[in-house]
């Protein structure tokens, strides 16, 4: 392998590393020049962490947020499944009550027709005396 090939593989990382180093040197020089202009009681802010570290921290935060949301959804799904099972049981309990209520309504209707006097003003009223109590 030639010297050019061996250095070519590291050219991009080295150039980024050199750029970051040069940027830090520049900011340190600017900071030292500005230090004379800043009053003694004030301090200059710290330099931010490298961009790669910020990206990693941001991705870690996003990952944790997504995991938290998925866990929240899993909890909601479990609650909805439990609620659906409760409704199914309630529905099975209601079915016989609905049938019983319909049967009772038919029985009341049949009994009411036997007990109810005919409507007023009909020919049957004039001929038939009212029932004795």
Protein backbone atom coordinates (compact mmCIF):
# COMPACT_ATOMS: atom_id res chain seq x y z
CA UNK A 1 0.00 0.00 0.00
CA UNK A 2 1.40 3.41 -0.94
CA UNK A 3 1.66 6.39 1.36
CA UNK A 4 -1.06 8.19 -0.61
CA UNK A 5 -3.51 5.27 -0.19
CA UNK A 6 -2.89 5.01 3.52
CA UNK A 7 -3.42 8.72 4.08
CA UNK A 8 -6.40 8.81 1.67
CA UNK A 9 -8.47 6.55 3.92
CA UNK A 10 -8.07 8.96 6.84
CA UNK A 11 -8.33 12.18 4.83
CA UNK A 12 -11.97 12.98 5.68
CA UNK A 13 -11.81 12.27 9.43
CA UNK A 14 -8.45 14.06 9.67
CA UNK A 15 -9.79 17.09 7.80
CA UNK A 16 -12.82 17.31 10.09
CA UNK A 17 -10.61 16.87 13.11
CA UNK A 18 -8.24 19.56 11.84
CA UNK A 19 -11.18 21.90 11.18
CA UNK A 20 -12.52 21.42 14.71
CA UNK A 21 -9.05 21.98 16.13
CA UNK A 22 -8.59 25.16 14.11
CA UNK A 23 -12.06 26.36 15.15
CA UNK A 24 -11.24 25.77 18.81
CA UNK A 25 -7.91 27.61 18.46
CA UNK A 26 -9.71 30.53 16.82
CA UNK A 27 -12.38 30.69 19.54
CA UNK A 28 -9.76 30.45 22.28
CA UNK A 29 -7.83 33.37 20.70
CA UNK A 30 -11.05 35.37 20.38
CA UNK A 31 -11.90 34.56 23.96
CA UNK A 32 -8.50 35.62 25.24
CA UNK A 33 -8.77 38.91 23.32
CA UNK A 34 -12.26 39.48 24.69
CA UNK A 35 -11.20 38.59 28.21
CA UNK A 36 -9.50 41.96 28.57
CA UNK A 37 -12.73 43.72 27.57
CA UNK A 38 -14.94 41.80 30.02
CA UNK A 39 -15.25 43.22 33.55
CA UNK A 40 -13.83 41.06 36.35
CA UNK A 41 -17.22 40.00 37.79
CA UNK A 42 -18.54 38.52 34.55
CA UNK A 43 -17.45 35.28 32.98
CA UNK A 44 -17.69 34.18 29.39
CA UNK A 45 -19.92 31.18 28.61
CA UNK A 46 -18.35 27.76 28.12
CA UNK A 47 -17.77 26.53 24.64
CA UNK A 48 -20.48 24.11 23.48
CA UNK A 49 -19.74 20.42 23.19
CA UNK A 50 -18.70 19.12 19.78
CA UNK A 51 -21.51 18.77 17.21
CA UNK A 52 -21.25 14.97 17.24
CA UNK A 53 -21.86 14.88 20.99
CA UNK A 54 -24.89 17.15 20.65
CA UNK A 55 -26.30 14.96 17.89
CA UNK A 56 -25.77 11.84 19.98
CA UNK A 57 -27.47 13.47 22.98
CA UNK A 58 -30.37 14.63 20.82
CA UNK A 59 -30.79 11.19 19.27
CA UNK A 60 -30.65 9.59 22.72
CA UNK A 61 -33.38 11.97 23.92
CA UNK A 62 -35.52 11.23 20.86
CA UNK A 63 -34.99 7.50 21.36
CA UNK A 64 -36.09 7.73 24.99
CA UNK A 65 -39.13 9.81 24.03
CA UNK A 66 -40.17 7.29 21.36
CA UNK A 67 -39.71 4.38 23.76
CA UNK A 68 -41.75 6.21 26.39
CA UNK A 69 -44.56 6.90 23.94
CA UNK A 70 -44.61 3.28 22.78
CA UNK A 71 -44.81 2.12 26.41
CA UNK A 72 -47.66 4.56 26.98
CA UNK A 73 -49.49 3.21 23.93
CA UNK A 74 -48.91 -0.37 25.12
CA UNK A 75 -50.49 0.56 28.45
CA UNK A 76 -53.46 2.15 26.70
CA UNK A 77 -53.91 -0.93 24.51
CA UNK A 78 -53.93 -3.12 27.62
CA UNK A 79 -56.53 -0.86 29.26
CA UNK A 80 -58.70 -0.88 26.14
CA UNK A 81 -58.52 -4.67 25.91
CA UNK A 82 -59.57 -4.98 29.55
CA UNK A 83 -62.42 -2.51 28.95
CA UNK A 84 -63.53 -4.47 25.86
CA UNK A 85 -63.60 -7.70 27.90
CA UNK A 86 -65.70 -5.97 30.57
CA UNK A 87 -68.14 -4.75 27.92
CA UNK A 88 -68.39 -8.26 26.47
CA UNK A 89 -69.32 -9.64 29.92
CA UNK A 90 -71.84 -6.81 30.40
CA UNK A 91 -73.33 -7.57 27.00
CA UNK A 92 -73.74 -11.25 27.89
CA UNK A 93 -75.50 -10.24 31.12
CA UNK A 94 -77.81 -7.83 29.28
CA UNK A 95 -78.97 -10.31 26.60
CA UNK A 96 -81.24 -12.36 28.92
CA UNK A 97 -82.52 -9.17 30.57
CA UNK A 98 -83.52 -7.75 27.18
CA UNK A 99 -85.37 -10.98 26.33
CA UNK A 100 -87.07 -11.05 29.74
CA UNK A 101 -88.11 -7.40 29.38
CA UNK A 102 -89.62 -8.04 25.91
CA UNK A 103 -91.51 -11.08 27.23
CA UNK A 104 -92.78 -9.09 30.20
CA UNK A 105 -93.94 -6.25 27.89
CA UNK A 106 -95.90 -8.75 25.75
CA UNK A 107 -97.48 -10.26 28.89
CA UNK A 108 -98.45 -6.80 30.19
CA UNK A 109 -100.01 -5.97 26.83
CA UNK A 110 -102.04 -9.19 26.78
CA UNK A 111 -103.24 -8.74 30.36
CA UNK A 112 -104.04 -5.06 29.81
CA UNK A 113 -106.26 -5.92 26.85
CA UNK A 114 -108.27 -8.30 29.09
CA UNK A 115 -108.63 -5.85 31.97
CA UNK A 116 -108.97 -2.57 30.10
CA UNK A 117 -112.58 -1.41 29.59
CA UNK A 118 -113.64 -0.68 26.00
CA UNK A 119 -113.23 2.87 24.77
CA UNK A 120 -115.97 5.37 25.73
CA UNK A 121 -118.74 6.10 23.21
CA UNK A 122 -118.94 2.64 21.66
CA UNK A 123 -122.08 0.53 21.31
CA UNK A 124 -120.72 -1.99 23.81
CA UNK A 125 -120.76 0.69 26.57
CA UNK A 126 -124.46 1.38 26.14
CA UNK A 127 -125.46 -2.28 26.36
CA UNK A 128 -123.00 -3.62 28.95
CA UNK A 129 -123.09 -2.37 32.52
CA UNK A 130 -119.73 -1.38 34.02
CA UNK A 131 -117.89 -4.18 35.88
CA UNK A 132 -118.56 -4.51 39.58
CA UNK A 133 -115.82 -3.72 41.98
